C-alpha atoms as a PDB file:
ATOM      1  CA  MET A   1      15.648   0.559 -17.025  1.00  0.00           C
ATOM      2  CA  SER A   2      15.586   3.673 -19.195  1.00  0.00           C
ATOM      3  CA  SER A   3      15.593   7.155 -17.733  1.00  0.00           C
ATOM      4  CA  PRO A   4      12.141   8.424 -16.748  1.00  0.00           C
ATOM      5  CA  TYR A   5      10.462  11.062 -18.840  1.00  0.00           C
ATOM      6  CA  ALA A   6       7.443  13.237 -18.273  1.00  0.00           C
ATOM      7  CA  PHE A   7       4.352  11.769 -19.877  1.00  0.00           C
ATOM      8  CA  GLU A   8       2.511  14.778 -18.475  1.00  0.00           C
ATOM      9  CA  PRO A   9       3.513  17.294 -15.782  1.00  0.00           C
ATOM     10  CA  GLY A  10       3.867  15.355 -12.533  1.00  0.00           C
ATOM     11  CA  LEU A  11       3.392  11.995 -14.270  1.00  0.00           C
ATOM     12  CA  MET A  12       6.624  10.163 -15.101  1.00  0.00           C
ATOM     13  CA  VAL A  13       7.043   6.930 -17.044  1.00  0.00           C
ATOM     14  CA  GLN A  14      10.023   4.715 -17.851  1.00  0.00           C
ATOM     15  CA  GLY A  15      10.723   1.333 -19.389  1.00  0.00           C
ATOM     16  CA  PHE A  16       7.679   1.108 -21.655  1.00  0.00           C
ATOM     17  CA  GLU A  17       5.716   3.013 -24.231  1.00  0.00           C
ATOM     18  CA  PRO A  18       2.352   4.233 -22.986  1.00  0.00           C
ATOM     19  CA  VAL A  19      -0.586   4.087 -23.480  1.00  0.00           C
ATOM     20  CA  LEU A  20      -1.643   0.669 -22.062  1.00  0.00           C
ATOM     21  CA  SER A  21      -5.140  -0.765 -21.679  1.00  0.00           C
ATOM     22  CA  LEU A  22      -6.763  -1.883 -18.444  1.00  0.00           C
ATOM     23  CA  SER A  23      -8.098  -4.855 -20.381  1.00  0.00           C
ATOM     24  CA  ASP A  24      -4.518  -6.205 -20.452  1.00  0.00           C
ATOM     25  CA  PHE A  25      -4.626  -6.662 -16.650  1.00  0.00           C
ATOM     26  CA  GLY A  26      -6.524  -8.850 -14.202  1.00  0.00           C
ATOM     27  CA  LEU A  27      -5.343  -7.542 -10.812  1.00  0.00           C
ATOM     28  CA  ILE A  28      -4.350  -4.252  -9.237  1.00  0.00           C
ATOM     29  CA  ALA A  29      -2.610  -4.352  -5.840  1.00  0.00           C
ATOM     30  CA  PHE A  30      -2.380  -1.349  -3.537  1.00  0.00           C
ATOM     31  CA  ASP A  31      -0.434  -0.413  -0.464  1.00  0.00           C
ATOM     32  CA  MET A  32      -2.733   1.328   2.030  1.00  0.00           C
ATOM     33  CA  ASP A  33      -1.025   3.953   4.202  1.00  0.00           C
ATOM     34  CA  SER A  34      -0.067   7.073   2.206  1.00  0.00           C
ATOM     35  CA  THR A  35      -1.199   5.319  -0.998  1.00  0.00           C
ATOM     36  CA  LEU A  36      -4.906   4.523  -0.874  1.00  0.00           C
ATOM     37  CA  ILE A  37      -5.329   6.686   2.236  1.00  0.00           C
ATOM     38  CA  ASN A  38      -3.911  10.003   3.370  1.00  0.00           C
ATOM     39  CA  ILE A  39      -2.186   8.960   6.601  1.00  0.00           C
ATOM     40  CA  GLU A  40       0.233   6.505   8.196  1.00  0.00           C
ATOM     41  CA  CYS A  41      -2.217   4.973  10.662  1.00  0.00           C
ATOM     42  CA  ILE A  42       0.414   3.885  13.166  1.00  0.00           C
ATOM     43  CA  ASP A  43       1.719   7.447  13.415  1.00  0.00           C
ATOM     44  CA  GLU A  44      -1.772   8.762  14.144  1.00  0.00           C
ATOM     45  CA  VAL A  45      -2.452   6.103  16.795  1.00  0.00           C
ATOM     46  CA  ALA A  46       0.946   6.852  18.363  1.00  0.00           C
ATOM     47  CA  LYS A  47      -0.126  10.439  18.994  1.00  0.00           C
ATOM     48  CA  PHE A  48      -2.671   9.108  21.494  1.00  0.00           C
ATOM     49  CA  ALA A  49       0.145   7.251  23.263  1.00  0.00           C
ATOM     50  CA  GLY A  50       2.267  10.406  23.463  1.00  0.00           C
ATOM     51  CA  LYS A  51       4.766   8.713  21.131  1.00  0.00           C
ATOM     52  CA  GLY A  52       3.823  10.423  17.888  1.00  0.00           C
ATOM     53  CA  GLU A  53       7.159  11.987  17.044  1.00  0.00           C
ATOM     54  CA  GLU A  54       9.192   8.934  18.038  1.00  0.00           C
ATOM     55  CA  VAL A  55       7.055   6.540  15.982  1.00  0.00           C
ATOM     56  CA  ALA A  56       6.855   8.886  12.981  1.00  0.00           C
ATOM     57  CA  LYS A  57      10.658   9.042  12.763  1.00  0.00           C
ATOM     58  CA  ILE A  58      10.881   5.241  12.611  1.00  0.00           C
ATOM     59  CA  THR A  59       8.080   5.092  10.029  1.00  0.00           C
ATOM     60  CA  GLU A  60       9.769   7.651   7.799  1.00  0.00           C
ATOM     61  CA  ALA A  61      13.116   5.864   7.970  1.00  0.00           C
ATOM     62  CA  ALA A  62      11.473   2.523   7.171  1.00  0.00           C
ATOM     63  CA  MET A  63       9.543   3.919   4.198  1.00  0.00           C
ATOM     64  CA  ARG A  64      12.678   5.565   2.806  1.00  0.00           C
ATOM     65  CA  GLY A  65      14.501   2.244   3.051  1.00  0.00           C
ATOM     66  CA  GLU A  66      16.961   3.504   5.653  1.00  0.00           C
ATOM     67  CA  ILE A  67      15.806   0.745   8.041  1.00  0.00           C
ATOM     68  CA  LYS A  68      16.210  -2.527   6.179  1.00  0.00           C
ATOM     69  CA  ASP A  69      14.345  -4.798   8.606  1.00  0.00           C
ATOM     70  CA  PHE A  70      10.695  -3.745   8.306  1.00  0.00           C
ATOM     71  CA  LYS A  71       9.527  -6.416  10.755  1.00  0.00           C
ATOM     72  CA  ASP A  72      11.850  -5.125  13.454  1.00  0.00           C
ATOM     73  CA  SER A  73      10.832  -1.516  12.795  1.00  0.00           C
ATOM     74  CA  LEU A  74       7.148  -2.403  13.048  1.00  0.00           C
ATOM     75  CA  LYS A  75       7.620  -4.374  16.251  1.00  0.00           C
ATOM     76  CA  ARG A  76       9.481  -1.407  17.765  1.00  0.00           C
ATOM     77  CA  ARG A  77       6.696   0.977  16.805  1.00  0.00           C
ATOM     78  CA  VAL A  78       3.883  -1.309  17.971  1.00  0.00           C
ATOM     79  CA  ALA A  79       5.652  -1.810  21.316  1.00  0.00           C
ATOM     80  CA  LEU A  80       5.490   1.947  21.832  1.00  0.00           C
ATOM     81  CA  LEU A  81       1.688   1.760  21.552  1.00  0.00           C
ATOM     82  CA  LYS A  82       1.387  -0.428  24.657  1.00  0.00           C
ATOM     83  CA  GLY A  83      -1.340   0.879  26.942  1.00  0.00           C
ATOM     84  CA  THR A  84      -3.121   2.893  24.245  1.00  0.00           C
ATOM     85  CA  PRO A  85      -6.909   2.534  24.511  1.00  0.00           C
ATOM     86  CA  GLU A  86      -8.672   0.747  21.661  1.00  0.00           C
ATOM     87  CA  SER A  87     -10.821   3.860  21.302  1.00  0.00           C
ATOM     88  CA  ALA A  88      -7.793   5.596  19.745  1.00  0.00           C
ATOM     89  CA  LEU A  89      -8.210   3.374  16.665  1.00  0.00           C
ATOM     90  CA  HIS A  90     -11.816   4.506  16.305  1.00  0.00           C
ATOM     91  CA  GLN A  91     -10.787   8.144  16.716  1.00  0.00           C
ATOM     92  CA  VAL A  92      -8.215   7.850  13.945  1.00  0.00           C
ATOM     93  CA  LEU A  93     -10.692   6.106  11.660  1.00  0.00           C
ATOM     94  CA  GLN A  94     -13.426   8.660  12.255  1.00  0.00           C
ATOM     95  CA  ASN A  95     -11.383  11.861  12.363  1.00  0.00           C
ATOM     96  CA  ALA A  96      -8.138  11.408  10.420  1.00  0.00           C
ATOM     97  CA  LEU A  97      -8.394   8.655   7.808  1.00  0.00           C
ATOM     98  CA  LYS A  98      -9.531   9.736   4.356  1.00  0.00           C
ATOM     99  CA  LEU A  99      -9.193   8.150   0.946  1.00  0.00           C
ATOM    100  CA  ASN A 100      -6.568   9.823  -1.182  1.00  0.00           C
ATOM    101  CA  PRO A 101      -7.819  11.812  -4.180  1.00  0.00           C
ATOM    102  CA  GLY A 102      -8.776   9.617  -7.090  1.00  0.00           C
ATOM    103  CA  ALA A 103      -8.868   6.381  -5.065  1.00  0.00           C
ATOM    104  CA  SER A 104     -12.576   5.741  -5.590  1.00  0.00           C
ATOM    105  CA  THR A 105     -12.394   6.579  -9.290  1.00  0.00           C
ATOM    106  CA  LEU A 106      -9.382   4.360  -9.942  1.00  0.00           C
ATOM    107  CA  VAL A 107     -10.698   1.373  -7.995  1.00  0.00           C
ATOM    108  CA  SER A 108     -14.219   1.559  -9.425  1.00  0.00           C
ATOM    109  CA  THR A 109     -12.875   1.934 -12.965  1.00  0.00           C
ATOM    110  CA  CYS A 110     -10.581  -1.075 -12.526  1.00  0.00           C
ATOM    111  CA  LYS A 111     -13.432  -3.173 -11.143  1.00  0.00           C
ATOM    112  CA  ALA A 112     -15.722  -2.108 -13.999  1.00  0.00           C
ATOM    113  CA  GLN A 113     -13.037  -3.314 -16.421  1.00  0.00           C
ATOM    114  CA  GLY A 114     -12.991  -6.728 -14.736  1.00  0.00           C
ATOM    115  CA  LEU A 115      -9.873  -6.363 -12.562  1.00  0.00           C
ATOM    116  CA  LYS A 116      -9.785  -7.749  -9.039  1.00  0.00           C
ATOM    117  CA  VAL A 117      -8.406  -5.464  -6.319  1.00  0.00           C
ATOM    118  CA  LEU A 118      -5.917  -6.424  -3.605  1.00  0.00           C
ATOM    119  CA  LEU A 119      -4.927  -4.332  -0.573  1.00  0.00           C
ATOM    120  CA  VAL A 120      -1.647  -5.412   1.043  1.00  0.00           C
ATOM    121  CA  SER A 121      -0.555  -3.373   4.024  1.00  0.00           C
ATOM    122  CA  GLY A 122       2.180  -3.280   6.611  1.00  0.00           C
ATOM    123  CA  GLY A 123      -0.452  -1.491   8.668  1.00  0.00           C
ATOM    124  CA  PHE A 124      -3.404  -2.857  10.560  1.00  0.00           C
ATOM    125  CA  THR A 125      -6.479  -4.913   9.779  1.00  0.00           C
ATOM    126  CA  PHE A 126      -8.679  -2.550  11.813  1.00  0.00           C
ATOM    127  CA  PHE A 127      -8.105   0.116   9.163  1.00  0.00           C
ATOM    128  CA  ALA A 128      -7.621  -2.194   6.167  1.00  0.00           C
ATOM    129  CA  HIS A 129     -11.063  -3.741   6.613  1.00  0.00           C
ATOM    130  CA  ALA A 130     -12.634  -0.272   6.823  1.00  0.00           C
ATOM    131  CA  VAL A 131     -10.934   0.738   3.574  1.00  0.00           C
ATOM    132  CA  GLN A 132     -11.958  -2.576   2.026  1.00  0.00           C
ATOM    133  CA  ASP A 133     -15.586  -1.767   2.829  1.00  0.00           C
ATOM    134  CA  MET A 134     -15.281   1.794   1.479  1.00  0.00           C
ATOM    135  CA  LEU A 135     -13.897   0.674  -1.871  1.00  0.00           C
ATOM    136  CA  LYS A 136     -15.388  -2.837  -2.197  1.00  0.00           C
ATOM    137  CA  ILE A 137     -11.893  -4.364  -2.375  1.00  0.00           C
ATOM    138  CA  ASP A 138     -11.723  -8.086  -3.140  1.00  0.00           C
ATOM    139  CA  PHE A 139      -8.711  -9.265  -1.099  1.00  0.00           C
ATOM    140  CA  THR A 140      -6.667  -7.891   1.812  1.00  0.00           C
ATOM    141  CA  ARG A 141      -3.649  -8.799   3.903  1.00  0.00           C
ATOM    142  CA  SER A 142      -2.453  -6.775   6.898  1.00  0.00           C
ATOM    143  CA  ASN A 143      -1.422  -7.022  10.550  1.00  0.00           C
ATOM    144  CA  ILE A 144      -3.619  -7.489  13.611  1.00  0.00           C
ATOM    145  CA  LEU A 145      -2.967  -5.456  16.742  1.00  0.00           C
ATOM    146  CA  ASP A 146      -3.293  -7.449  19.959  1.00  0.00           C
ATOM    147  CA  ILE A 147      -5.946  -5.902  22.196  1.00  0.00           C
ATOM    148  CA  GLN A 148      -6.768  -7.104  25.698  1.00  0.00           C
ATOM    149  CA  ASN A 149      -9.497  -5.545  27.853  1.00  0.00           C
ATOM    150  CA  GLY A 150      -9.836  -2.600  25.475  1.00  0.00           C
ATOM    151  CA  VAL A 151      -6.115  -1.737  25.541  1.00  0.00           C
ATOM    152  CA  LEU A 152      -3.306  -2.314  23.024  1.00  0.00           C
ATOM    153  CA  THR A 153      -0.723  -4.718  24.437  1.00  0.00           C
ATOM    154  CA  GLY A 154       2.165  -3.564  22.241  1.00  0.00           C
ATOM    155  CA  GLN A 155       2.128  -6.895  20.382  1.00  0.00           C
ATOM    156  CA  LEU A 156       0.819  -8.225  17.063  1.00  0.00           C
ATOM    157  CA  VAL A 157      -1.307 -11.347  16.601  1.00  0.00           C
ATOM    158  CA  ASP A 158       0.211 -14.191  14.585  1.00  0.00           C
ATOM    159  CA  GLN A 159      -1.938 -15.291  11.636  1.00  0.00           C
ATOM    160  CA  ASP A 160      -2.095 -18.537   9.690  1.00  0.00           C
ATOM    161  CA  TRP A 161       0.100 -17.090   6.911  1.00  0.00           C
ATOM    162  CA  GLY A 162       2.783 -15.713   9.248  1.00  0.00           C
ATOM    163  CA  ASP A 163       3.586 -12.984  11.736  1.00  0.00           C
ATOM    164  CA  ILE A 164       3.993  -9.651   9.911  1.00  0.00           C
ATOM    165  CA  CYS A 165       3.002  -8.381   6.481  1.00  0.00           C
ATOM    166  CA  ASP A 166       6.314  -6.915   5.327  1.00  0.00           C
ATOM    167  CA  GLY A 167       7.643  -6.374   1.818  1.00  0.00           C
ATOM    168  CA  GLN A 168       8.253 -10.055   1.160  1.00  0.00           C
ATOM    169  CA  GLU A 169       4.782 -10.969   2.396  1.00  0.00           C
ATOM    170  CA  LYS A 170       3.297  -8.332   0.085  1.00  0.00           C
ATOM    171  CA  ARG A 171       5.150  -9.915  -2.836  1.00  0.00           C
ATOM    172  CA  LYS A 172       4.037 -13.400  -1.773  1.00  0.00           C
ATOM    173  CA  MET A 173       0.400 -12.328  -1.430  1.00  0.00           C
ATOM    174  CA  LEU A 174       0.429 -10.670  -4.837  1.00  0.00           C
ATOM    175  CA  LEU A 175       1.848 -13.800  -6.500  1.00  0.00           C
ATOM    176  CA  GLU A 176      -0.565 -16.088  -4.625  1.00  0.00           C
ATOM    177  CA  THR A 177      -3.504 -13.903  -5.664  1.00  0.00           C
ATOM    178  CA  CYS A 178      -2.399 -14.043  -9.297  1.00  0.00           C
ATOM    179  CA  GLU A 179      -2.219 -17.825  -9.030  1.00  0.00           C
ATOM    180  CA  HIS A 180      -5.655 -17.938  -7.388  1.00  0.00           C
ATOM    181  CA  LEU A 181      -7.074 -15.867 -10.258  1.00  0.00           C
ATOM    182  CA  GLY A 182      -5.303 -17.965 -12.884  1.00  0.00           C
ATOM    183  CA  ILE A 183      -3.338 -15.049 -14.282  1.00  0.00           C
ATOM    184  CA  SER A 184       0.346 -14.224 -14.709  1.00  0.00           C
ATOM    185  CA  PRO A 185       2.015 -11.415 -12.709  1.00  0.00           C
ATOM    186  CA  LYS A 186       2.405  -9.873 -16.167  1.00  0.00           C
ATOM    187  CA  GLN A 187      -1.291  -9.088 -15.831  1.00  0.00           C
ATOM    188  CA  ALA A 188      -0.870  -7.337 -12.477  1.00  0.00           C
ATOM    189  CA  ILE A 189      -0.354  -3.721 -11.429  1.00  0.00           C
ATOM    190  CA  ALA A 190       1.299  -2.971  -8.070  1.00  0.00           C
ATOM    191  CA  MET A 191       1.064   0.492  -6.551  1.00  0.00           C
ATOM    192  CA  GLY A 192       2.814   1.881  -3.470  1.00  0.00           C
ATOM    193  CA  ASP A 193       4.908   4.643  -1.948  1.00  0.00           C
ATOM    194  CA  GLY A 194       7.477   3.098   0.416  1.00  0.00           C
ATOM    195  CA  ALA A 195      10.465   0.771   0.400  1.00  0.00           C
ATOM    196  CA  ASN A 196       8.388  -2.161   1.670  1.00  0.00           C
ATOM    197  CA  ASP A 197       6.300  -1.929  -1.526  1.00  0.00           C
ATOM    198  CA  LEU A 198       9.293  -2.530  -3.794  1.00  0.00           C
ATOM    199  CA  PRO A 199       9.202  -6.360  -3.592  1.00  0.00           C
ATOM    200  CA  MET A 200       5.634  -6.573  -4.910  1.00  0.00           C
ATOM    201  CA  MET A 201       6.277  -3.834  -7.446  1.00  0.00           C
ATOM    202  CA  SER A 202       9.356  -5.723  -8.655  1.00  0.00           C
ATOM    203  CA  ALA A 203       7.344  -8.960  -8.930  1.00  0.00           C
ATOM    204  CA  CYS A 204       5.061  -7.256 -11.455  1.00  0.00           C
ATOM    205  CA  GLN A 205       7.844  -5.441 -13.226  1.00  0.00           C
ATOM    206  CA  GLU A 206      10.037  -8.526 -13.632  1.00  0.00           C
ATOM    207  CA  ALA A 207       7.136 -10.475 -15.156  1.00  0.00           C
ATOM    208  CA  GLY A 208       6.225  -7.719 -17.611  1.00  0.00           C
ATOM    209  CA  GLY A 209       3.447  -6.197 -15.507  1.00  0.00           C
ATOM    210  CA  LEU A 210       3.326  -2.633 -14.207  1.00  0.00           C
ATOM    211  CA  SER A 211       4.794  -0.974 -11.102  1.00  0.00           C
ATOM    212  CA  VAL A 212       3.425   2.395  -9.995  1.00  0.00           C
ATOM    213  CA  ALA A 213       4.737   4.865  -7.410  1.00  0.00           C
ATOM    214  CA  TYR A 214       2.306   7.309  -5.828  1.00  0.00           C
ATOM    215  CA  HIS A 215       3.772  10.451  -4.209  1.00  0.00           C
ATOM    216  CA  ALA A 216       6.530   8.047  -3.247  1.00  0.00           C
ATOM    217  CA  LYS A 217       9.910   8.048  -1.554  1.00  0.00           C
ATOM    218  CA  PRO A 218      12.859   8.727  -3.895  1.00  0.00           C
ATOM    219  CA  ALA A 219      14.032   5.098  -4.093  1.00  0.00           C
ATOM    220  CA  VAL A 220      10.547   3.962  -5.055  1.00  0.00           C
ATOM    221  CA  ARG A 221      10.074   6.680  -7.672  1.00  0.00           C
ATOM    222  CA  ALA A 222      13.414   5.732  -9.224  1.00  0.00           C
ATOM    223  CA  GLN A 223      12.437   2.076  -9.686  1.00  0.00           C
ATOM    224  CA  ALA A 224       8.778   2.414 -10.645  1.00  0.00           C
ATOM    225  CA  MET A 225       7.629   2.272 -14.250  1.00  0.00           C
ATOM    226  CA  VAL A 226       5.030   4.971 -13.542  1.00  0.00           C
ATOM    227  CA  SER A 227       5.458   7.685 -10.920  1.00  0.00           C
ATOM    228  CA  ILE A 228       2.493   9.884 -10.017  1.00  0.00           C
ATOM    229  CA  GLU A 229       4.118  12.908  -8.432  1.00  0.00           C
ATOM    230  CA  GLU A 230       1.238  15.363  -8.648  1.00  0.00           C
ATOM    231  CA  GLY A 231      -2.511  14.851  -8.459  1.00  0.00           C
ATOM    232  CA  GLY A 232      -4.604  11.844  -7.520  1.00  0.00           C
ATOM    233  CA  LEU A 233      -4.412   8.096  -7.896  1.00  0.00           C
ATOM    234  CA  ASP A 234      -6.698   8.219 -10.915  1.00  0.00           C
ATOM    235  CA  ARG A 235      -3.930   9.847 -12.939  1.00  0.00           C
ATOM    236  CA  LEU A 236      -2.855   6.263 -13.632  1.00  0.00           C
ATOM    237  CA  LEU A 237      -5.833   6.163 -16.018  1.00  0.00           C
ATOM    238  CA  ARG A 238      -3.960   8.610 -18.242  1.00  0.00           C
ATOM    239  CA  VAL A 239      -1.392   5.876 -18.860  1.00  0.00           C
ATOM    240  CA  VAL A 240      -3.490   2.714 -18.492  1.00  0.00           C
ATOM    241  CA  LYS A 241      -6.759   3.537 -20.175  1.00  0.00           C
ATOM    242  CA  ALA A 242     -10.181   2.003 -19.763  1.00  0.00           C
ATOM    243  CA  GLN A 243     -11.870   0.776 -22.924  1.00  0.00           C
END
């Protein structure tokens, strides 16, 4: 890939000549934590368990790609939440979780141009479904926390597609959604900030689609075709324009 250059201050592009049209795409896929929303939900829940600092260190290492096994890192973090009351999830949702700047504008513009929207998260369905409702997102995939008698057990619930939504599952879900929609991954945009987003971003990139980093870790910025380093998510519309 060519060296990145500044399309505008804080907006880097590489490997293609902007400007593109949203009409060239049929799907946009988003990571959730620190991409569509302002927080890492597991870190916020961990604060209620008195494990905030310990969990946040693992999260940061995983997102930077320093921990290669995302599934193991997530299991370790979820285990530390054992005994946390379910009410902590509601507290985080009500008091900490906010959409990142430009999220509503970008999603609504994409939908108005006929794109479907996919949320794929290594986080939790409790929050993913709330974000889905906020933004009218078409498809989601995420992890379910096991809760018994109003308390987190420190385990995840297996689902019919598998156990944990890691980077490979994100890639698989993106490709399956493209197939479901009858489009090529060339017609998909994948947007994320952490190392576990690279597989789905690469799936788009390899097919001729578009990979986008948002306020991302260095390894993700280096590989993405578009890197939004300042401002909101809707800065993508400076590169991929609505008609």
